C-alpha atoms as a PDB file:
ATOM      1  CA  UNK A   1    -247.240 -23.126 171.426  1.00  0.00           C
ATOM      2  CA  UNK A   2    -244.200 -25.300 170.644  1.00  0.00           C
ATOM      3  CA  UNK A   3    -241.024 -23.661 172.061  1.00  0.00           C
ATOM      4  CA  UNK A   4    -239.401 -23.626 168.629  1.00  0.00           C
ATOM      5  CA  UNK A   5    -242.194 -21.382 167.348  1.00  0.00           C
ATOM      6  CA  UNK A   6    -241.935 -18.715 170.042  1.00  0.00           C
ATOM      7  CA  UNK A   7    -239.316 -16.554 168.337  1.00  0.00           C
ATOM      8  CA  UNK A   8    -240.903 -16.743 164.871  1.00  0.00           C
ATOM      9  CA  UNK A   9    -244.282 -16.042 166.504  1.00  0.00           C
ATOM     10  CA  UNK A  10    -242.895 -12.887 168.101  1.00  0.00           C
ATOM     11  CA  UNK A  11    -241.557 -11.710 164.756  1.00  0.00           C
ATOM     12  CA  UNK A  12    -244.882 -12.420 163.030  1.00  0.00           C
ATOM     13  CA  UNK A  13    -246.854 -10.700 165.795  1.00  0.00           C
ATOM     14  CA  UNK A  14    -244.724  -7.550 165.567  1.00  0.00           C
ATOM     15  CA  UNK A  15    -245.021  -7.610 161.772  1.00  0.00           C
ATOM     16  CA  UNK A  16    -248.777  -7.928 162.112  1.00  0.00           C
ATOM     17  CA  UNK A  17    -249.023  -4.900 164.386  1.00  0.00           C
ATOM     18  CA  UNK A  18    -247.006  -2.812 161.936  1.00  0.00           C
ATOM     19  CA  UNK A  19    -249.033  -3.881 158.901  1.00  0.00           C
ATOM     20  CA  UNK A  20    -252.367  -3.222 160.620  1.00  0.00           C
ATOM     21  CA  UNK A  21    -251.175   0.173 161.852  1.00  0.00           C
ATOM     22  CA  UNK A  22    -249.979   1.219 158.389  1.00  0.00           C
ATOM     23  CA  UNK A  23    -253.161   0.021 156.689  1.00  0.00           C
ATOM     24  CA  UNK A  24    -255.347   1.772 159.265  1.00  0.00           C
ATOM     25  CA  UNK A  25    -253.500   5.039 158.759  1.00  0.00           C
ATOM     26  CA  UNK A  26    -253.468   4.810 154.968  1.00  0.00           C
ATOM     27  CA  UNK A  27    -257.170   3.972 154.622  1.00  0.00           C
ATOM     28  CA  UNK A  28    -258.560   5.918 157.591  1.00  0.00           C
ATOM     29  CA  UNK A  29    -261.796   7.681 156.760  1.00  0.00           C
ATOM     30  CA  UNK A  30    -261.937   6.485 153.141  1.00  0.00           C
ATOM     31  CA  UNK A  31    -265.316   5.785 151.544  1.00  0.00           C
ATOM     32  CA  UNK A  32    -264.251   4.345 148.194  1.00  0.00           C
ATOM     33  CA  UNK A  33    -261.775   1.908 146.705  1.00  0.00           C
ATOM     34  CA  UNK A  34    -258.475   3.077 145.344  1.00  0.00           C
ATOM     35  CA  UNK A  35    -255.096   1.694 144.361  1.00  0.00           C
ATOM     36  CA  UNK A  36    -254.849  -2.069 144.830  1.00  0.00           C
ATOM     37  CA  UNK A  37    -258.484  -2.316 145.914  1.00  0.00           C
ATOM     38  CA  UNK A  38    -259.670  -0.667 142.711  1.00  0.00           C
ATOM     39  CA  UNK A  39    -257.583  -3.119 140.691  1.00  0.00           C
ATOM     40  CA  UNK A  40    -258.848  -6.249 142.478  1.00  0.00           C
ATOM     41  CA  UNK A  41    -262.522  -5.403 143.034  1.00  0.00           C
ATOM     42  CA  UNK A  42    -263.688  -5.686 139.402  1.00  0.00           C
ATOM     43  CA  UNK A  43    -262.253  -9.198 139.239  1.00  0.00           C
ATOM     44  CA  UNK A  44    -263.729 -10.504 142.498  1.00  0.00           C
ATOM     45  CA  UNK A  45    -266.717  -8.380 143.479  1.00  0.00           C
ATOM     46  CA  UNK A  46    -270.210  -9.481 142.524  1.00  0.00           C
ATOM     47  CA  UNK A  47    -269.577 -13.125 141.606  1.00  0.00           C
ATOM     48  CA  UNK A  48    -272.506 -15.028 140.141  1.00  0.00           C
ATOM     49  CA  UNK A  49    -273.880 -18.442 141.144  1.00  0.00           C
ATOM     50  CA  UNK A  50    -272.603 -21.054 141.783  1.00  0.00           C
ATOM     51  CA  UNK A  51    -269.526 -19.233 143.148  1.00  0.00           C
ATOM     52  CA  UNK A  52    -271.785 -16.858 145.044  1.00  0.00           C
ATOM     53  CA  UNK A  53    -273.247 -19.806 146.950  1.00  0.00           C
ATOM     54  CA  UNK A  54    -269.731 -20.918 147.874  1.00  0.00           C
ATOM     55  CA  UNK A  55    -268.973 -17.420 149.143  1.00  0.00           C
ATOM     56  CA  UNK A  56    -272.158 -17.444 151.213  1.00  0.00           C
ATOM     57  CA  UNK A  57    -271.156 -20.745 152.826  1.00  0.00           C
ATOM     58  CA  UNK A  58    -267.792 -19.294 153.864  1.00  0.00           C
ATOM     59  CA  UNK A  59    -269.507 -16.129 155.057  1.00  0.00           C
ATOM     60  CA  UNK A  60    -271.875 -18.161 157.256  1.00  0.00           C
ATOM     61  CA  UNK A  61    -268.830 -19.553 159.069  1.00  0.00           C
ATOM     62  CA  UNK A  62    -268.148 -16.095 160.469  1.00  0.00           C
ATOM     63  CA  UNK A  63    -271.750 -15.259 161.340  1.00  0.00           C
ATOM     64  CA  UNK A  64    -273.279 -15.458 164.857  1.00  0.00           C
ATOM     65  CA  UNK A  65    -274.726 -18.917 164.156  1.00  0.00           C
ATOM     66  CA  UNK A  66    -271.814 -20.430 162.267  1.00  0.00           C
ATOM     67  CA  UNK A  67    -268.868 -19.047 164.244  1.00  0.00           C
ATOM     68  CA  UNK A  68    -269.706 -20.623 167.651  1.00  0.00           C
ATOM     69  CA  UNK A  69    -270.243 -23.977 165.946  1.00  0.00           C
ATOM     70  CA  UNK A  70    -266.821 -23.852 164.296  1.00  0.00           C
ATOM     71  CA  UNK A  71    -265.147 -22.768 167.532  1.00  0.00           C
ATOM     72  CA  UNK A  72    -266.849 -25.634 169.387  1.00  0.00           C
ATOM     73  CA  UNK A  73    -265.590 -28.148 166.827  1.00  0.00           C
ATOM     74  CA  UNK A  74    -262.016 -26.824 167.010  1.00  0.00           C
ATOM     75  CA  UNK A  75    -262.058 -26.805 170.820  1.00  0.00           C
ATOM     76  CA  UNK A  76    -263.423 -30.358 170.867  1.00  0.00           C
ATOM     77  CA  UNK A  77    -260.587 -31.515 168.602  1.00  0.00           C
ATOM     78  CA  UNK A  78    -258.036 -29.772 170.849  1.00  0.00           C
ATOM     79  CA  UNK A  79    -259.446 -31.511 173.929  1.00  0.00           C
ATOM     80  CA  UNK A  80    -259.598 -34.837 172.127  1.00  0.00           C
ATOM     81  CA  UNK A  81    -255.906 -34.480 171.350  1.00  0.00           C
ATOM     82  CA  UNK A  82    -255.275 -33.514 174.990  1.00  0.00           C
ATOM     83  CA  UNK A  83    -254.227 -29.984 174.099  1.00  0.00           C
ATOM     84  CA  UNK A  84    -256.142 -28.159 176.828  1.00  0.00           C
ATOM     85  CA  UNK A  85    -253.946 -25.063 176.621  1.00  0.00           C
ATOM     86  CA  UNK A  86    -254.655 -24.772 172.923  1.00  0.00           C
ATOM     87  CA  UNK A  87    -258.381 -25.171 173.593  1.00  0.00           C
ATOM     88  CA  UNK A  88    -258.194 -22.239 176.012  1.00  0.00           C
ATOM     89  CA  UNK A  89    -256.155 -20.227 173.512  1.00  0.00           C
ATOM     90  CA  UNK A  90    -258.720 -20.967 170.798  1.00  0.00           C
ATOM     91  CA  UNK A  91    -261.612 -19.549 172.811  1.00  0.00           C
ATOM     92  CA  UNK A  92    -259.684 -16.622 174.289  1.00  0.00           C
ATOM     93  CA  UNK A  93    -257.954 -15.829 171.015  1.00  0.00           C
ATOM     94  CA  UNK A  94    -261.152 -15.757 168.980  1.00  0.00           C
ATOM     95  CA  UNK A  95    -262.844 -13.523 171.558  1.00  0.00           C
ATOM     96  CA  UNK A  96    -259.907 -11.097 171.601  1.00  0.00           C
ATOM     97  CA  UNK A  97    -259.592 -11.172 167.810  1.00  0.00           C
ATOM     98  CA  UNK A  98    -263.258 -10.299 167.319  1.00  0.00           C
ATOM     99  CA  UNK A  99    -262.954  -7.637 170.006  1.00  0.00           C
ATOM    100  CA  UNK A 100    -259.914  -6.023 168.388  1.00  0.00           C
ATOM    101  CA  UNK A 101    -261.526  -5.904 164.949  1.00  0.00           C
ATOM    102  CA  UNK A 102    -264.675  -4.398 166.475  1.00  0.00           C
ATOM    103  CA  UNK A 103    -262.659  -1.682 168.227  1.00  0.00           C
ATOM    104  CA  UNK A 104    -260.507  -0.909 165.188  1.00  0.00           C
ATOM    105  CA  UNK A 105    -263.468  -0.384 162.845  1.00  0.00           C
ATOM    106  CA  UNK A 106    -264.651   2.941 164.345  1.00  0.00           C
ATOM    107  CA  UNK A 107    -261.044   3.980 165.018  1.00  0.00           C
ATOM    108  CA  UNK A 108    -260.077   3.564 161.357  1.00  0.00           C
ATOM    109  CA  UNK A 109    -263.420   4.896 160.173  1.00  0.00           C
ATOM    110  CA  UNK A 110    -263.189   3.331 156.733  1.00  0.00           C
ATOM    111  CA  UNK A 111    -266.586   2.944 155.080  1.00  0.00           C
ATOM    112  CA  UNK A 112    -267.996   0.720 152.368  1.00  0.00           C
ATOM    113  CA  UNK A 113    -271.303   1.428 150.610  1.00  0.00           C
ATOM    114  CA  UNK A 114    -271.289   4.737 152.520  1.00  0.00           C
ATOM    115  CA  UNK A 115    -272.870   3.197 155.614  1.00  0.00           C
ATOM    116  CA  UNK A 116    -270.785   0.277 156.905  1.00  0.00           C
ATOM    117  CA  UNK A 117    -267.466   0.310 158.740  1.00  0.00           C
ATOM    118  CA  UNK A 118    -265.171  -2.098 156.931  1.00  0.00           C
ATOM    119  CA  UNK A 119    -261.581  -2.090 158.231  1.00  0.00           C
ATOM    120  CA  UNK A 120    -260.464  -4.649 159.307  1.00  0.00           C
ATOM    121  CA  UNK A 121    -262.556  -7.622 158.185  1.00  0.00           C
ATOM    122  CA  UNK A 122    -263.829  -9.487 161.229  1.00  0.00           C
ATOM    123  CA  UNK A 123    -264.838 -12.517 159.182  1.00  0.00           C
ATOM    124  CA  UNK A 124    -261.357 -12.844 157.707  1.00  0.00           C
ATOM    125  CA  UNK A 125    -259.800 -12.389 161.132  1.00  0.00           C
ATOM    126  CA  UNK A 126    -262.040 -15.101 162.580  1.00  0.00           C
ATOM    127  CA  UNK A 127    -261.200 -17.622 159.860  1.00  0.00           C
ATOM    128  CA  UNK A 128    -257.479 -16.897 160.175  1.00  0.00           C
ATOM    129  CA  UNK A 129    -257.626 -17.255 163.959  1.00  0.00           C
ATOM    130  CA  UNK A 130    -259.126 -20.741 163.739  1.00  0.00           C
ATOM    131  CA  UNK A 131    -256.584 -21.720 161.094  1.00  0.00           C
ATOM    132  CA  UNK A 132    -253.744 -20.706 163.428  1.00  0.00           C
ATOM    133  CA  UNK A 133    -255.186 -22.959 166.142  1.00  0.00           C
ATOM    134  CA  UNK A 134    -255.436 -25.893 163.744  1.00  0.00           C
ATOM    135  CA  UNK A 135    -251.862 -25.324 162.586  1.00  0.00           C
ATOM    136  CA  UNK A 136    -250.614 -25.295 166.186  1.00  0.00           C
ATOM    137  CA  UNK A 137    -252.260 -28.692 166.699  1.00  0.00           C
ATOM    138  CA  UNK A 138    -249.784 -30.241 164.293  1.00  0.00           C
ATOM    139  CA  UNK A 139    -246.767 -27.959 164.572  1.00  0.00           C
ATOM    140  CA  UNK A 140    -245.230 -29.473 167.686  1.00  0.00           C
ATOM    141  CA  UNK A 141    -243.917 -32.524 165.838  1.00  0.00           C
ATOM    142  CA  UNK A 142    -242.206 -30.505 163.125  1.00  0.00           C
ATOM    143  CA  UNK A 143    -238.936 -28.643 162.855  1.00  0.00           C
ATOM    144  CA  UNK A 144    -238.934 -24.856 163.037  1.00  0.00           C
ATOM    145  CA  UNK A 145    -238.970 -24.179 159.296  1.00  0.00           C
ATOM    146  CA  UNK A 146    -241.716 -26.721 158.625  1.00  0.00           C
ATOM    147  CA  UNK A 147    -243.755 -25.485 161.607  1.00  0.00           C
ATOM    148  CA  UNK A 148    -243.583 -21.855 160.448  1.00  0.00           C
ATOM    149  CA  UNK A 149    -244.478 -22.912 156.897  1.00  0.00           C
ATOM    150  CA  UNK A 150    -247.445 -24.908 158.209  1.00  0.00           C
ATOM    151  CA  UNK A 151    -248.636 -22.022 160.360  1.00  0.00           C
ATOM    152  CA  UNK A 152    -248.415 -19.469 157.577  1.00  0.00           C
ATOM    153  CA  UNK A 153    -249.846 -21.889 155.022  1.00  0.00           C
ATOM    154  CA  UNK A 154    -252.949 -22.657 157.083  1.00  0.00           C
ATOM    155  CA  UNK A 155    -253.442 -19.004 158.015  1.00  0.00           C
ATOM    156  CA  UNK A 156    -253.031 -17.776 154.434  1.00  0.00           C
ATOM    157  CA  UNK A 157    -255.334 -20.450 153.057  1.00  0.00           C
ATOM    158  CA  UNK A 158    -258.139 -19.622 155.481  1.00  0.00           C
ATOM    159  CA  UNK A 159    -257.566 -15.886 155.188  1.00  0.00           C
ATOM    160  CA  UNK A 160    -257.635 -15.983 151.401  1.00  0.00           C
ATOM    161  CA  UNK A 161    -260.814 -18.064 151.257  1.00  0.00           C
ATOM    162  CA  UNK A 162    -262.748 -15.917 153.714  1.00  0.00           C
ATOM    163  CA  UNK A 163    -261.248 -12.715 152.336  1.00  0.00           C
ATOM    164  CA  UNK A 164    -262.327 -13.711 148.839  1.00  0.00           C
ATOM    165  CA  UNK A 165    -265.837 -14.441 150.106  1.00  0.00           C
ATOM    166  CA  UNK A 166    -266.112 -11.062 151.830  1.00  0.00           C
ATOM    167  CA  UNK A 167    -264.911  -9.145 148.770  1.00  0.00           C
ATOM    168  CA  UNK A 168    -267.041 -11.253 146.416  1.00  0.00           C
ATOM    169  CA  UNK A 169    -270.146 -10.516 148.498  1.00  0.00           C
ATOM    170  CA  UNK A 170    -269.362  -6.808 148.549  1.00  0.00           C
ATOM    171  CA  UNK A 171    -268.871  -6.689 152.318  1.00  0.00           C
ATOM    172  CA  UNK A 172    -265.219  -5.593 152.336  1.00  0.00           C
ATOM    173  CA  UNK A 173    -262.372  -4.185 150.299  1.00  0.00           C
ATOM    174  CA  UNK A 174    -259.404  -6.528 149.678  1.00  0.00           C
ATOM    175  CA  UNK A 175    -257.201  -4.503 152.049  1.00  0.00           C
ATOM    176  CA  UNK A 176    -259.843  -4.919 154.780  1.00  0.00           C
ATOM    177  CA  UNK A 177    -259.315  -8.660 154.471  1.00  0.00           C
ATOM    178  CA  UNK A 178    -255.544  -8.166 154.643  1.00  0.00           C
ATOM    179  CA  UNK A 179    -255.972  -6.160 157.822  1.00  0.00           C
ATOM    180  CA  UNK A 180    -258.172  -8.857 159.347  1.00  0.00           C
ATOM    181  CA  UNK A 181    -255.594 -11.499 158.484  1.00  0.00           C
ATOM    182  CA  UNK A 182    -252.800  -9.676 160.303  1.00  0.00           C
ATOM    183  CA  UNK A 183    -254.994  -8.819 163.288  1.00  0.00           C
ATOM    184  CA  UNK A 184    -255.745 -12.511 163.780  1.00  0.00           C
ATOM    185  CA  UNK A 185    -252.142 -13.570 163.274  1.00  0.00           C
ATOM    186  CA  UNK A 186    -250.949 -11.068 165.881  1.00  0.00           C
ATOM    187  CA  UNK A 187    -253.675 -11.771 168.421  1.00  0.00           C
ATOM    188  CA  UNK A 188    -253.665 -15.558 168.194  1.00  0.00           C
ATOM    189  CA  UNK A 189    -249.898 -15.908 168.474  1.00  0.00           C
ATOM    190  CA  UNK A 190    -249.838 -13.468 171.390  1.00  0.00           C
ATOM    191  CA  UNK A 191    -252.676 -15.245 173.181  1.00  0.00           C
ATOM    192  CA  UNK A 192    -251.078 -18.672 172.656  1.00  0.00           C
ATOM    193  CA  UNK A 193    -247.833 -17.345 174.153  1.00  0.00           C
ATOM    194  CA  UNK A 194    -249.722 -15.760 177.067  1.00  0.00           C
ATOM    195  CA  UNK A 195    -251.620 -18.970 177.852  1.00  0.00           C
ATOM    196  CA  UNK A 196    -248.319 -20.843 178.050  1.00  0.00           C
ATOM    197  CA  UNK A 197    -246.856 -18.181 180.356  1.00  0.00           C
ATOM    198  CA  UNK A 198    -249.823 -18.306 182.711  1.00  0.00           C
ATOM    199  CA  UNK A 199    -249.982 -22.103 182.720  1.00  0.00           C
ATOM    200  CA  UNK A 200    -246.239 -22.380 183.440  1.00  0.00           C
ATOM    201  CA  UNK A 201    -246.314 -20.004 186.412  1.00  0.00           C
ATOM    202  CA  UNK A 202    -247.148 -22.661 189.055  1.00  0.00           C
ATOM    203  CA  UNK A 203    -244.384 -24.879 187.715  1.00  0.00           C
ATOM    204  CA  UNK A 204    -241.840 -22.066 187.964  1.00  0.00           C
ATOM    205  CA  UNK A 205    -242.853 -21.251 191.538  1.00  0.00           C
ATOM    206  CA  UNK A 206    -242.724 -24.926 192.485  1.00  0.00           C
ATOM    207  CA  UNK A 207    -239.230 -25.170 191.056  1.00  0.00           C
END
């Protein structure tokens, strides 16, 4: 992570924790849509072809076959650009992100279609996590404001696309996607910071 992004990353990570906590408390144990979800669902849910096919393509990117392929491509690009730390952060961050969403689902206990745990959206979290990695590939040559804008822009773009796909396919409520977005933002920025800390330890001791 570029040094100029460390303070904004801390702020975003803390914000993410707060948003996820509030959403989990508000929607804990719910089995139906209400409020903002009820307003958005009729507009997005149940899209017809050809948009449904587009949603299925995005959805495949977060599935067991598609996700490893996307991670491999992102890691390969990181290594090609000689960003080995970022490659490590990509793998570790995605694993932790998926793990956190998996743990939070039964904790929140929010259900969709009466049978499936839905909060937060793991697919949305996965897409956002990869977008954060891609943004960090280019952020080091920018000033702080531009780097933060790039990071948030990439993350929001990926989160919105995958979130739309999940809601359109009836797999999640809109606020599930929002929760997944903030989980990924928090985890990926924290992991990127942690990788830098660990990698810099030998240098500090040598100094």
